[in-house]
Amino acid sequence: MSKLHQVDFESPIGIMEVIGTEQGILSVLFTERDELLYQPQSDTPQVLNDCLRELEEYFKGERMEFTVPYISEGTEFQGKVWSALTTVGYAETASYRDIAVKVGSEKAVRAVGNANSKNKLTIIVPCHRVIGTNGKLTGYAGTLTRKEWLLKHEQAMKNKGVM
């Protein structure tokens, strides 16, 4: 496997760890750290620098979708769920049931929730846009406070017409 590289990104809602190779991003996850530990270096692959730029644009309200290449590692079912997540539009939401129907397993709502929780590409694969069938915010590995912030941020940017 290619050499792994890590850089930190300081978002308005906490530090995010970005891990990847020359080929693509492997994970973008919130951390509970208070300080940046990993700055871009001279040997940081371009794809990680591109990811940092796209995250910056997203948080400024200048980007609705990500173009940086990523590599997701999981089961076939998880891959289907993660792919379906990328079809949920900016500032929109879908229920776990909606995603289960999209992947052709309408009774697999809990399995969709489990796959969603295993998504390592926070924001890039927008698992924060998945809500309970009752419209309530449920489960988010990055904390419900961050999930709520992300959804409000996207709605505010869309309503401002920034996008």
N, C-alpha and C. Protein backbone atom coordinates (compact mmCIF):
# COMPACT_ATOMS: atom_id res chain seq x y z
N MET A 1 0.84 -1.19 0.00
CA MET A 1 0.00 0.00 0.00
C MET A 1 0.88 1.25 0.00
N SER A 2 0.33 2.29 -0.56
CA SER A 2 1.05 3.58 -0.61
C SER A 2 1.23 4.15 0.79
N LYS A 3 2.21 5.01 0.89
CA LYS A 3 2.49 5.67 2.16
C LYS A 3 1.30 6.53 2.60
N LEU A 4 0.94 6.43 3.88
CA LEU A 4 -0.14 7.25 4.42
C LEU A 4 0.40 8.60 4.87
N HIS A 5 -0.38 9.62 4.62
CA HIS A 5 -0.05 10.98 5.03
C HIS A 5 -1.22 11.52 5.83
N GLN A 6 -0.94 12.37 6.81
CA GLN A 6 -2.00 12.99 7.60
C GLN A 6 -1.76 14.48 7.69
N VAL A 7 -2.85 15.22 7.57
CA VAL A 7 -2.84 16.66 7.82
C VAL A 7 -4.09 16.98 8.65
N ASP A 8 -4.01 18.02 9.43
CA ASP A 8 -5.15 18.46 10.21
C ASP A 8 -5.78 19.67 9.55
N PHE A 9 -7.08 19.79 9.74
CA PHE A 9 -7.83 20.93 9.22
C PHE A 9 -8.61 21.54 10.38
N GLU A 10 -8.48 22.84 10.55
CA GLU A 10 -9.20 23.51 11.62
C GLU A 10 -10.53 24.05 11.09
N SER A 11 -11.60 23.34 11.40
CA SER A 11 -12.93 23.77 10.96
C SER A 11 -13.56 24.63 12.06
N PRO A 12 -14.66 25.30 11.75
CA PRO A 12 -15.35 26.10 12.77
C PRO A 12 -15.92 25.24 13.91
N ILE A 13 -16.01 23.93 13.71
CA ILE A 13 -16.61 23.06 14.72
C ILE A 13 -15.64 21.98 15.20
N GLY A 14 -14.36 22.23 15.04
CA GLY A 14 -13.36 21.32 15.57
C GLY A 14 -12.32 20.90 14.55
N ILE A 15 -11.27 20.35 15.08
CA ILE A 15 -10.16 19.88 14.23
C ILE A 15 -10.54 18.57 13.55
N MET A 16 -10.22 18.50 12.28
CA MET A 16 -10.48 17.29 11.49
C MET A 16 -9.15 16.71 11.06
N GLU A 17 -9.04 15.40 11.14
CA GLU A 17 -7.85 14.69 10.64
C GLU A 17 -8.15 14.20 9.24
N VAL A 18 -7.27 14.53 8.31
CA VAL A 18 -7.40 14.10 6.92
C VAL A 18 -6.24 13.14 6.65
N ILE A 19 -6.59 11.91 6.28
CA ILE A 19 -5.58 10.89 6.00
C ILE A 19 -5.76 10.40 4.57
N GLY A 20 -4.64 10.26 3.86
CA GLY A 20 -4.73 9.80 2.49
C GLY A 20 -3.38 9.38 1.94
N THR A 21 -3.40 8.99 0.67
CA THR A 21 -2.21 8.58 -0.06
C THR A 21 -2.11 9.46 -1.30
N GLU A 22 -1.14 9.17 -2.13
CA GLU A 22 -1.03 9.88 -3.42
C GLU A 22 -2.30 9.70 -4.26
N GLN A 23 -2.98 8.54 -4.08
CA GLN A 23 -4.13 8.19 -4.91
C GLN A 23 -5.45 8.80 -4.45
N GLY A 24 -5.59 9.04 -3.15
CA GLY A 24 -6.88 9.57 -2.70
C GLY A 24 -6.97 9.69 -1.19
N ILE A 25 -8.07 10.26 -0.76
CA ILE A 25 -8.36 10.48 0.65
C ILE A 25 -8.97 9.20 1.23
N LEU A 26 -8.46 8.77 2.37
CA LEU A 26 -8.98 7.59 3.06
C LEU A 26 -9.93 7.95 4.18
N SER A 27 -9.66 9.06 4.87
CA SER A 27 -10.57 9.46 5.94
C SER A 27 -10.48 10.95 6.22
N VAL A 28 -11.62 11.48 6.62
CA VAL A 28 -11.75 12.85 7.10
C VAL A 28 -12.65 12.74 8.32
N LEU A 29 -12.06 12.84 9.50
CA LEU A 29 -12.82 12.63 10.73
C LEU A 29 -12.57 13.73 11.74
N PHE A 30 -13.62 14.08 12.47
CA PHE A 30 -13.45 15.04 13.56
C PHE A 30 -12.64 14.40 14.68
N THR A 31 -11.85 15.21 15.35
CA THR A 31 -11.09 14.77 16.50
C THR A 31 -11.48 15.66 17.67
N GLU A 32 -11.20 15.23 18.85
CA GLU A 32 -11.50 16.05 20.02
C GLU A 32 -10.27 16.84 20.47
N ARG A 33 -9.22 16.82 19.66
CA ARG A 33 -8.01 17.58 20.00
C ARG A 33 -8.27 19.07 19.90
N ASP A 34 -7.51 19.85 20.68
CA ASP A 34 -7.63 21.31 20.67
C ASP A 34 -6.58 21.99 19.80
N GLU A 35 -5.60 21.21 19.35
CA GLU A 35 -4.53 21.85 18.58
C GLU A 35 -4.21 21.05 17.33
N LEU A 36 -3.74 21.76 16.32
CA LEU A 36 -3.31 21.13 15.08
C LEU A 36 -1.97 20.45 15.33
N LEU A 37 -1.90 19.18 15.02
CA LEU A 37 -0.64 18.45 15.19
C LEU A 37 0.06 18.17 13.86
N TYR A 38 -0.71 18.08 12.79
CA TYR A 38 -0.15 17.67 11.50
C TYR A 38 -0.40 18.75 10.45
N GLN A 39 0.64 19.47 10.13
CA GLN A 39 0.59 20.52 9.11
C GLN A 39 1.05 19.93 7.77
N PRO A 40 0.59 20.49 6.66
CA PRO A 40 1.10 20.03 5.37
C PRO A 40 2.63 20.18 5.32
N GLN A 41 3.28 19.19 4.74
CA GLN A 41 4.74 19.19 4.60
C GLN A 41 5.09 19.24 3.11
N SER A 42 6.37 19.32 2.82
CA SER A 42 6.79 19.38 1.42
C SER A 42 6.44 18.09 0.67
N ASP A 43 6.34 16.96 1.40
CA ASP A 43 6.01 15.70 0.72
C ASP A 43 4.52 15.34 0.84
N THR A 44 3.69 16.27 1.34
CA THR A 44 2.25 16.01 1.43
C THR A 44 1.69 15.89 0.01
N PRO A 45 1.02 14.78 -0.30
CA PRO A 45 0.47 14.61 -1.65
C PRO A 45 -0.53 15.73 -2.00
N GLN A 46 -0.56 16.06 -3.28
CA GLN A 46 -1.44 17.12 -3.77
C GLN A 46 -2.89 16.85 -3.40
N VAL A 47 -3.29 15.58 -3.41
CA VAL A 47 -4.69 15.23 -3.12
C VAL A 47 -5.08 15.68 -1.70
N LEU A 48 -4.16 15.61 -0.74
CA LEU A 48 -4.46 16.08 0.61
C LEU A 48 -4.56 17.59 0.65
N ASN A 49 -3.66 18.28 -0.07
CA ASN A 49 -3.74 19.74 -0.15
C ASN A 49 -5.05 20.17 -0.82
N ASP A 50 -5.46 19.43 -1.86
CA ASP A 50 -6.73 19.72 -2.53
C ASP A 50 -7.91 19.52 -1.57
N CYS A 51 -7.83 18.48 -0.75
CA CYS A 51 -8.89 18.21 0.21
C CYS A 51 -9.00 19.35 1.23
N LEU A 52 -7.86 19.82 1.72
CA LEU A 52 -7.87 20.95 2.66
C LEU A 52 -8.53 22.17 2.02
N ARG A 53 -8.19 22.43 0.76
CA ARG A 53 -8.76 23.58 0.05
C ARG A 53 -10.27 23.41 -0.11
N GLU A 54 -10.72 22.20 -0.48
CA GLU A 54 -12.15 21.96 -0.67
C GLU A 54 -12.91 22.05 0.66
N LEU A 55 -12.31 21.57 1.74
CA LEU A 55 -12.95 21.72 3.06
C LEU A 55 -13.07 23.19 3.42
N GLU A 56 -12.02 23.96 3.18
CA GLU A 56 -12.04 25.40 3.45
C GLU A 56 -13.18 26.07 2.67
N GLU A 57 -13.29 25.72 1.39
CA GLU A 57 -14.35 26.28 0.54
C GLU A 57 -15.74 25.88 1.05
N TYR A 58 -15.87 24.63 1.48
CA TYR A 58 -17.15 24.14 2.01
C TYR A 58 -17.56 24.98 3.23
N PHE A 59 -16.64 25.15 4.17
CA PHE A 59 -16.97 25.88 5.39
C PHE A 59 -17.19 27.38 5.13
N LYS A 60 -16.63 27.91 4.06
CA LYS A 60 -16.88 29.31 3.70
C LYS A 60 -18.20 29.45 2.94
N GLY A 61 -18.81 28.32 2.59
CA GLY A 61 -20.05 28.36 1.83
C GLY A 61 -19.84 28.50 0.34
N GLU A 62 -18.64 28.16 -0.13
CA GLU A 62 -18.31 28.30 -1.55
C GLU A 62 -18.32 26.96 -2.30
N ARG A 63 -18.57 25.85 -1.60
CA ARG A 63 -18.52 24.54 -2.24
C ARG A 63 -19.69 23.69 -1.75
N MET A 64 -20.41 23.09 -2.71
CA MET A 64 -21.54 22.22 -2.38
C MET A 64 -21.20 20.75 -2.49
N GLU A 65 -20.23 20.43 -3.32
CA GLU A 65 -19.83 19.02 -3.44
C GLU A 65 -18.33 18.94 -3.62
N PHE A 66 -17.81 17.77 -3.30
CA PHE A 66 -16.37 17.57 -3.31
C PHE A 66 -15.94 16.82 -4.57
N THR A 67 -14.78 17.21 -5.08
CA THR A 67 -14.25 16.56 -6.29
C THR A 67 -12.97 15.79 -6.02
N VAL A 68 -12.45 15.93 -4.81
CA VAL A 68 -11.20 15.27 -4.45
C VAL A 68 -11.40 13.74 -4.52
N PRO A 69 -10.44 13.01 -5.11
CA PRO A 69 -10.59 11.56 -5.16
C PRO A 69 -10.49 10.94 -3.77
N TYR A 70 -11.33 9.96 -3.52
CA TYR A 70 -11.28 9.27 -2.23
C TYR A 70 -11.38 7.77 -2.42
N ILE A 71 -10.95 7.06 -1.40
CA ILE A 71 -10.92 5.59 -1.41
C ILE A 71 -11.70 5.13 -0.19
N SER A 72 -12.83 4.46 -0.41
CA SER A 72 -13.57 3.95 0.74
C SER A 72 -13.37 2.45 0.85
N GLU A 73 -13.15 2.03 2.06
CA GLU A 73 -12.90 0.61 2.31
C GLU A 73 -14.00 0.08 3.21
N GLY A 74 -14.76 -0.89 2.71
CA GLY A 74 -15.84 -1.47 3.48
C GLY A 74 -16.45 -2.64 2.74
N THR A 75 -17.55 -3.13 3.28
CA THR A 75 -18.25 -4.25 2.64
C THR A 75 -18.99 -3.75 1.39
N GLU A 76 -19.49 -4.68 0.62
CA GLU A 76 -20.25 -4.31 -0.57
C GLU A 76 -21.48 -3.48 -0.18
N PHE A 77 -22.17 -3.91 0.88
CA PHE A 77 -23.36 -3.18 1.34
C PHE A 77 -22.98 -1.77 1.79
N GLN A 78 -21.91 -1.64 2.58
CA GLN A 78 -21.47 -0.32 3.03
C GLN A 78 -21.17 0.57 1.82
N GLY A 79 -20.50 0.00 0.82
CA GLY A 79 -20.20 0.76 -0.39
C GLY A 79 -21.45 1.29 -1.07
N LYS A 80 -22.50 0.46 -1.12
CA LYS A 80 -23.78 0.90 -1.72
C LYS A 80 -24.39 2.05 -0.91
N VAL A 81 -24.34 1.91 0.41
CA VAL A 81 -24.89 2.96 1.27
C VAL A 81 -24.10 4.25 1.08
N TRP A 82 -22.78 4.16 1.12
CA TRP A 82 -21.95 5.36 0.97
C TRP A 82 -22.17 6.02 -0.38
N SER A 83 -22.32 5.22 -1.40
CA SER A 83 -22.60 5.77 -2.73
C SER A 83 -23.95 6.49 -2.73
N ALA A 84 -24.95 5.90 -2.08
CA ALA A 84 -26.27 6.53 -2.00
C ALA A 84 -26.21 7.85 -1.22
N LEU A 85 -25.34 7.92 -0.22
CA LEU A 85 -25.21 9.16 0.56
C LEU A 85 -24.78 10.32 -0.33
N THR A 86 -23.95 10.04 -1.32
CA THR A 86 -23.45 11.11 -2.19
C THR A 86 -24.55 11.67 -3.10
N THR A 87 -25.72 11.01 -3.14
CA THR A 87 -26.83 11.51 -3.96
C THR A 87 -27.75 12.44 -3.18
N VAL A 88 -27.53 12.54 -1.87
CA VAL A 88 -28.33 13.46 -1.05
C VAL A 88 -27.74 14.85 -1.24
N GLY A 89 -28.51 15.73 -1.82
CA GLY A 89 -28.02 17.04 -2.20
C GLY A 89 -27.66 17.96 -1.05
N TYR A 90 -26.85 18.94 -1.35
CA TYR A 90 -26.44 19.97 -0.40
C TYR A 90 -27.68 20.62 0.21
N ALA A 91 -27.69 20.77 1.53
CA ALA A 91 -28.78 21.40 2.28
C ALA A 91 -30.08 20.58 2.23
N GLU A 92 -29.97 19.32 1.83
CA GLU A 92 -31.13 18.43 1.83
C GLU A 92 -30.88 17.32 2.84
N THR A 93 -31.93 16.59 3.16
CA THR A 93 -31.77 15.43 4.05
C THR A 93 -32.52 14.25 3.46
N ALA A 94 -32.16 13.09 3.94
CA ALA A 94 -32.84 11.84 3.59
C ALA A 94 -32.92 11.02 4.87
N SER A 95 -33.91 10.17 4.97
CA SER A 95 -34.02 9.32 6.16
C SER A 95 -33.22 8.04 5.93
N TYR A 96 -32.95 7.36 7.01
CA TYR A 96 -32.27 6.06 6.90
C TYR A 96 -33.10 5.14 6.01
N ARG A 97 -34.42 5.23 6.12
CA ARG A 97 -35.31 4.42 5.29
C ARG A 97 -35.16 4.79 3.81
N ASP A 98 -35.07 6.08 3.52
CA ASP A 98 -34.87 6.53 2.13
C ASP A 98 -33.61 5.89 1.54
N ILE A 99 -32.55 5.87 2.33
CA ILE A 99 -31.29 5.30 1.85
C ILE A 99 -31.44 3.79 1.68
N ALA A 100 -32.12 3.13 2.61
CA ALA A 100 -32.35 1.68 2.51
C ALA A 100 -33.09 1.36 1.21
N VAL A 101 -34.10 2.15 0.88
CA VAL A 101 -34.85 1.95 -0.37
C VAL A 101 -33.92 2.16 -1.57
N LYS A 102 -33.09 3.23 -1.52
CA LYS A 102 -32.16 3.51 -2.62
C LYS A 102 -31.21 2.37 -2.91
N VAL A 103 -30.79 1.65 -1.85
CA VAL A 103 -29.83 0.56 -2.05
C VAL A 103 -30.54 -0.78 -2.26
N GLY A 104 -31.87 -0.74 -2.38
CA GLY A 104 -32.62 -1.95 -2.69
C GLY A 104 -32.83 -2.88 -1.51
N SER A 105 -32.74 -2.37 -0.31
CA SER A 105 -32.94 -3.19 0.90
C SER A 105 -33.83 -2.43 1.87
N GLU A 106 -35.08 -2.21 1.48
CA GLU A 106 -35.93 -1.29 2.24
C GLU A 106 -36.13 -1.67 3.71
N LYS A 107 -35.92 -2.93 4.05
CA LYS A 107 -36.06 -3.33 5.45
C LYS A 107 -34.75 -3.20 6.24
N ALA A 108 -33.69 -2.82 5.57
CA ALA A 108 -32.36 -2.78 6.20
C ALA A 108 -32.03 -1.41 6.79
N VAL A 109 -33.02 -0.80 7.44
CA VAL A 109 -32.82 0.55 7.98
C VAL A 109 -31.70 0.57 9.02
N ARG A 110 -31.69 -0.42 9.91
CA ARG A 110 -30.62 -0.45 10.93
C ARG A 110 -29.25 -0.71 10.30
N ALA A 111 -29.22 -1.56 9.30
CA ALA A 111 -27.95 -1.83 8.61
C ALA A 111 -27.45 -0.58 7.91
N VAL A 112 -28.36 0.23 7.39
CA VAL A 112 -27.98 1.51 6.77
C VAL A 112 -27.39 2.42 7.84
N GLY A 113 -28.02 2.47 9.00
CA GLY A 113 -27.50 3.28 10.10
C GLY A 113 -26.11 2.82 10.51
N ASN A 114 -25.92 1.52 10.55
CA ASN A 114 -24.61 0.97 10.91
C ASN A 114 -23.56 1.33 9.86
N ALA A 115 -23.91 1.18 8.59
CA ALA A 115 -22.97 1.54 7.50
C ALA A 115 -22.66 3.04 7.55
N ASN A 116 -23.68 3.83 7.82
CA ASN A 116 -23.51 5.28 7.92
C ASN A 116 -22.50 5.61 9.02
N SER A 117 -22.59 4.90 10.14
CA SER A 117 -21.68 5.17 11.26
C SER A 117 -20.25 4.76 10.96
N LYS A 118 -20.04 3.94 9.95
CA LYS A 118 -18.70 3.47 9.59
C LYS A 118 -18.06 4.33 8.49
N ASN A 119 -18.80 5.32 8.01
CA ASN A 119 -18.28 6.22 6.98
C ASN A 119 -17.11 7.02 7.55
N LYS A 120 -15.94 6.89 6.94
CA LYS A 120 -14.75 7.61 7.40
C LYS A 120 -14.50 8.89 6.63
N LEU A 121 -15.40 9.22 5.72
CA LEU A 121 -15.20 10.39 4.86
C LEU A 121 -16.23 11.48 5.18
N THR A 122 -16.25 11.88 6.45
CA THR A 122 -17.17 12.90 6.94
C THR A 122 -17.21 14.10 6.00
N ILE A 123 -18.36 14.60 5.76
CA ILE A 123 -18.67 15.76 4.92
C ILE A 123 -18.48 15.43 3.44
N ILE A 124 -17.37 14.80 3.04
CA ILE A 124 -17.17 14.44 1.63
C ILE A 124 -18.25 13.45 1.19
N VAL A 125 -18.46 12.40 1.98
CA VAL A 125 -19.59 11.49 1.81
C VAL A 125 -20.55 11.92 2.92
N PRO A 126 -21.58 12.69 2.56
CA PRO A 126 -22.35 13.47 3.55
C PRO A 126 -23.31 12.67 4.43
N CYS A 127 -22.76 11.92 5.35
CA CYS A 127 -23.58 11.13 6.27
C CYS A 127 -24.36 12.03 7.24
N HIS A 128 -23.92 13.28 7.39
CA HIS A 128 -24.64 14.21 8.28
C HIS A 128 -26.01 14.57 7.73
N ARG A 129 -26.28 14.28 6.48
CA ARG A 129 -27.57 14.62 5.86
C ARG A 129 -28.62 13.54 6.07
N VAL A 130 -28.27 12.48 6.79
CA VAL A 130 -29.23 11.40 7.04
C VAL A 130 -29.85 11.60 8.42
N ILE A 131 -31.18 11.60 8.43
CA ILE A 131 -31.92 11.84 9.67
C ILE A 131 -32.91 10.70 9.91
N GLY A 132 -33.50 10.70 11.08
CA GLY A 132 -34.50 9.67 11.39
C GLY A 132 -35.74 9.86 10.54
N THR A 133 -36.51 8.80 10.38
CA THR A 133 -37.74 8.85 9.58
C THR A 133 -38.70 9.90 10.14
N ASN A 134 -38.63 10.14 11.45
CA ASN A 134 -39.49 11.12 12.10
C ASN A 134 -38.97 12.55 11.95
N GLY A 135 -37.87 12.72 11.21
CA GLY A 135 -37.31 14.04 10.97
C GLY A 135 -36.33 14.49 12.05
N LYS A 136 -36.12 13.66 13.05
CA LYS A 136 -35.20 14.03 14.14
C LYS A 136 -33.76 13.67 13.77
N LEU A 137 -32.84 14.45 14.35
CA LEU A 137 -31.41 14.15 14.18
C LEU A 137 -31.09 12.94 15.03
N THR A 138 -30.49 11.96 14.43
CA THR A 138 -30.08 10.77 15.17
C THR A 138 -28.67 10.42 14.75
N GLY A 139 -27.95 9.80 15.63
CA GLY A 139 -26.63 9.28 15.38
C GLY A 139 -25.73 10.03 14.42
N TYR A 140 -24.59 10.39 14.89
CA TYR A 140 -23.55 10.96 14.03
C TYR A 140 -22.24 10.80 14.77
N ALA A 141 -21.31 10.14 14.14
CA ALA A 141 -20.03 9.85 14.79
C ALA A 141 -19.31 11.12 15.21
N GLY A 142 -19.55 12.22 14.50
CA GLY A 142 -18.89 13.48 14.81
C GLY A 142 -19.62 14.31 15.85
N THR A 143 -20.60 13.78 16.50
CA THR A 143 -21.49 14.35 17.53
C THR A 143 -22.72 15.01 16.89
N LEU A 144 -23.84 14.90 17.59
CA LEU A 144 -25.08 15.49 17.10
C LEU A 144 -25.00 17.01 17.02
N THR A 145 -24.23 17.61 17.90
CA THR A 145 -24.05 19.07 17.86
C THR A 145 -23.43 19.48 16.52
N ARG A 146 -22.41 18.73 16.08
CA ARG A 146 -21.78 19.03 14.79
C ARG A 146 -22.73 18.75 13.63
N LYS A 147 -23.48 17.65 13.72
CA LYS A 147 -24.44 17.31 12.67
C LYS A 147 -25.43 18.46 12.50
N GLU A 148 -25.97 18.94 13.61
CA GLU A 148 -26.93 20.04 13.56
C GLU A 148 -26.27 21.29 12.97
N TRP A 149 -25.04 21.58 13.36
CA TRP A 149 -24.33 22.75 12.84
C TRP A 149 -24.16 22.63 11.33
N LEU A 150 -23.74 21.46 10.85
CA LEU A 150 -23.51 21.25 9.42
C LEU A 150 -24.79 21.45 8.62
N LEU A 151 -25.89 20.89 9.11
CA LEU A 151 -27.17 21.04 8.41
C LEU A 151 -27.62 22.50 8.39
N LYS A 152 -27.48 23.20 9.50
CA LYS A 152 -27.86 24.62 9.56
C LYS A 152 -26.94 25.45 8.67
N HIS A 153 -25.65 25.12 8.66
CA HIS A 153 -24.69 25.83 7.81
C HIS A 153 -25.09 25.71 6.34
N GLU A 154 -25.37 24.50 5.91
CA GLU A 154 -25.74 24.28 4.50
C GLU A 154 -27.03 25.03 4.15
N GLN A 155 -28.01 24.97 5.05
CA GLN A 155 -29.28 25.66 4.80
C GLN A 155 -29.07 27.17 4.73
N ALA A 156 -28.25 27.70 5.64
CA ALA A 156 -27.99 29.14 5.65
C ALA A 156 -27.27 29.58 4.37
N MET A 157 -26.29 28.80 3.92
CA MET A 157 -25.56 29.15 2.70
C MET A 157 -26.49 29.08 1.50
N LYS A 158 -27.34 28.08 1.46
CA LYS A 158 -28.28 27.93 0.34
C LYS A 158 -29.27 29.10 0.35
N ASN A 159 -29.78 29.44 1.52
CA ASN A 159 -30.76 30.53 1.63
C ASN A 159 -30.16 31.89 1.30
N LYS A 160 -28.87 32.05 1.59
CA LYS A 160 -28.16 33.30 1.28
C LYS A 160 -27.96 33.46 -0.21
N GLY A 161 -28.07 32.33 -0.92
CA GLY A 161 -27.78 32.37 -2.35
C GLY A 161 -26.30 32.41 -2.63
N VAL A 162 -25.50 32.04 -1.62
CA VAL A 162 -24.05 32.03 -1.80
C VAL A 162 -23.68 31.00 -2.85
N MET A 163 -24.43 29.92 -2.87
CA MET A 163 -24.08 28.82 -3.75
C MET A 163 -24.43 29.11 -5.18
